[in-house]
Amino acid sequence: MFIASTEFVVAAEKQAKSLGFNPHSVFIQHPIQDRTDEEVQALADAALEEILAQITAGD
């Protein structure tokens, strides 16, 4: 599983195709680097349910 910002959706799809491997992934709102700690925490909190669902998926 990996987590990245929405800026990298297309790159992740191309990389997965070239490697023949499509890992679980969660994309959060871009950009990240100029956000406050509180904003980053809010992004993490918002993504947590999806992250846990993918980690615990049986496939």
C-alpha atoms as a PDB file:
ATOM      1  CA  MET A   1       0.000   0.000   0.000  1.00  0.00           C
ATOM      2  CA  PHE A   2       1.109   3.512  -0.616  1.00  0.00           C
ATOM      3  CA  ILE A   3      -0.240   6.976   0.032  1.00  0.00           C
ATOM      4  CA  ALA A   4       0.460   9.924  -2.231  1.00  0.00           C
ATOM      5  CA  SER A   5      -1.120  13.184  -3.243  1.00  0.00           C
ATOM      6  CA  THR A   6      -3.497  13.464  -6.176  1.00  0.00           C
ATOM      7  CA  GLU A   7      -0.714  15.009  -8.250  1.00  0.00           C
ATOM      8  CA  PHE A   8       0.726  11.497  -8.660  1.00  0.00           C
ATOM      9  CA  VAL A   9      -2.335   9.493  -9.756  1.00  0.00           C
ATOM     10  CA  VAL A  10      -1.303   9.194 -13.403  1.00  0.00           C
ATOM     11  CA  ALA A  11       2.332   8.471 -12.538  1.00  0.00           C
ATOM     12  CA  ALA A  12       1.246   5.753 -10.095  1.00  0.00           C
ATOM     13  CA  GLU A  13      -0.992   4.133 -12.710  1.00  0.00           C
ATOM     14  CA  LYS A  14       1.835   4.104 -15.268  1.00  0.00           C
ATOM     15  CA  GLN A  15       4.325   2.713 -12.749  1.00  0.00           C
ATOM     16  CA  ALA A  16       1.906  -0.017 -11.677  1.00  0.00           C
ATOM     17  CA  LYS A  17       1.312  -0.997 -15.302  1.00  0.00           C
ATOM     18  CA  SER A  18       5.027  -1.075 -16.122  1.00  0.00           C
ATOM     19  CA  LEU A  19       5.766  -3.211 -13.061  1.00  0.00           C
ATOM     20  CA  GLY A  20       2.754  -5.487 -13.511  1.00  0.00           C
ATOM     21  CA  PHE A  21       1.753  -4.771  -9.940  1.00  0.00           C
ATOM     22  CA  ASN A  22      -1.160  -2.665  -8.770  1.00  0.00           C
ATOM     23  CA  PRO A  23      -0.849  -2.058  -5.026  1.00  0.00           C
ATOM     24  CA  HIS A  24      -3.580  -0.644  -2.868  1.00  0.00           C
ATOM     25  CA  SER A  25      -3.246   3.111  -2.863  1.00  0.00           C
ATOM     26  CA  VAL A  26      -4.842   6.175  -1.327  1.00  0.00           C
ATOM     27  CA  PHE A  27      -4.468   9.618  -2.816  1.00  0.00           C
ATOM     28  CA  ILE A  28      -4.913  12.697  -0.701  1.00  0.00           C
ATOM     29  CA  GLN A  29      -5.409  16.290  -1.727  1.00  0.00           C
ATOM     30  CA  HIS A  30      -2.427  18.043  -3.289  1.00  0.00           C
ATOM     31  CA  PRO A  31      -0.277  19.960  -2.371  1.00  0.00           C
ATOM     32  CA  ILE A  32       1.177  18.759   0.903  1.00  0.00           C
ATOM     33  CA  GLN A  33       4.472  20.552   1.461  1.00  0.00           C
ATOM     34  CA  ASP A  34       3.040  23.994   2.160  1.00  0.00           C
ATOM     35  CA  ARG A  35       0.389  22.838   4.640  1.00  0.00           C
ATOM     36  CA  THR A  36       0.465  23.419   8.355  1.00  0.00           C
ATOM     37  CA  ASP A  37       0.815  20.492  10.733  1.00  0.00           C
ATOM     38  CA  GLU A  38      -2.875  20.829  11.540  1.00  0.00           C
ATOM     39  CA  GLU A  39      -3.850  20.685   7.861  1.00  0.00           C
ATOM     40  CA  VAL A  40      -1.737  17.591   7.284  1.00  0.00           C
ATOM     41  CA  GLN A  41      -3.318  15.949  10.330  1.00  0.00           C
ATOM     42  CA  ALA A  42      -6.781  16.740   8.923  1.00  0.00           C
ATOM     43  CA  LEU A  43      -5.831  15.120   5.602  1.00  0.00           C
ATOM     44  CA  ALA A  44      -4.587  12.035   7.445  1.00  0.00           C
ATOM     45  CA  ASP A  45      -7.727  11.855   9.558  1.00  0.00           C
ATOM     46  CA  ALA A  46      -9.909  12.123   6.449  1.00  0.00           C
ATOM     47  CA  ALA A  47      -8.015   9.301   4.701  1.00  0.00           C
ATOM     48  CA  LEU A  48      -7.751   6.953   7.686  1.00  0.00           C
ATOM     49  CA  GLU A  49     -10.945   4.988   7.071  1.00  0.00           C
ATOM     50  CA  GLU A  50     -10.025   4.279   3.445  1.00  0.00           C
ATOM     51  CA  ILE A  51      -6.472   3.334   4.423  1.00  0.00           C
ATOM     52  CA  LEU A  52      -7.668   0.893   7.076  1.00  0.00           C
ATOM     53  CA  ALA A  53     -10.234  -0.609   4.712  1.00  0.00           C
ATOM     54  CA  GLN A  54      -7.577  -1.305   2.111  1.00  0.00           C
ATOM     55  CA  ILE A  55      -5.091  -2.686   4.629  1.00  0.00           C
ATOM     56  CA  THR A  56      -7.667  -5.105   6.013  1.00  0.00           C
ATOM     57  CA  ALA A  57      -9.158  -6.106   2.637  1.00  0.00           C
ATOM     58  CA  GLY A  58      -8.819  -9.808   2.031  1.00  0.00           C
ATOM     59  CA  ASP A  59      -7.436  -9.599  -1.491  1.00  0.00           C
END
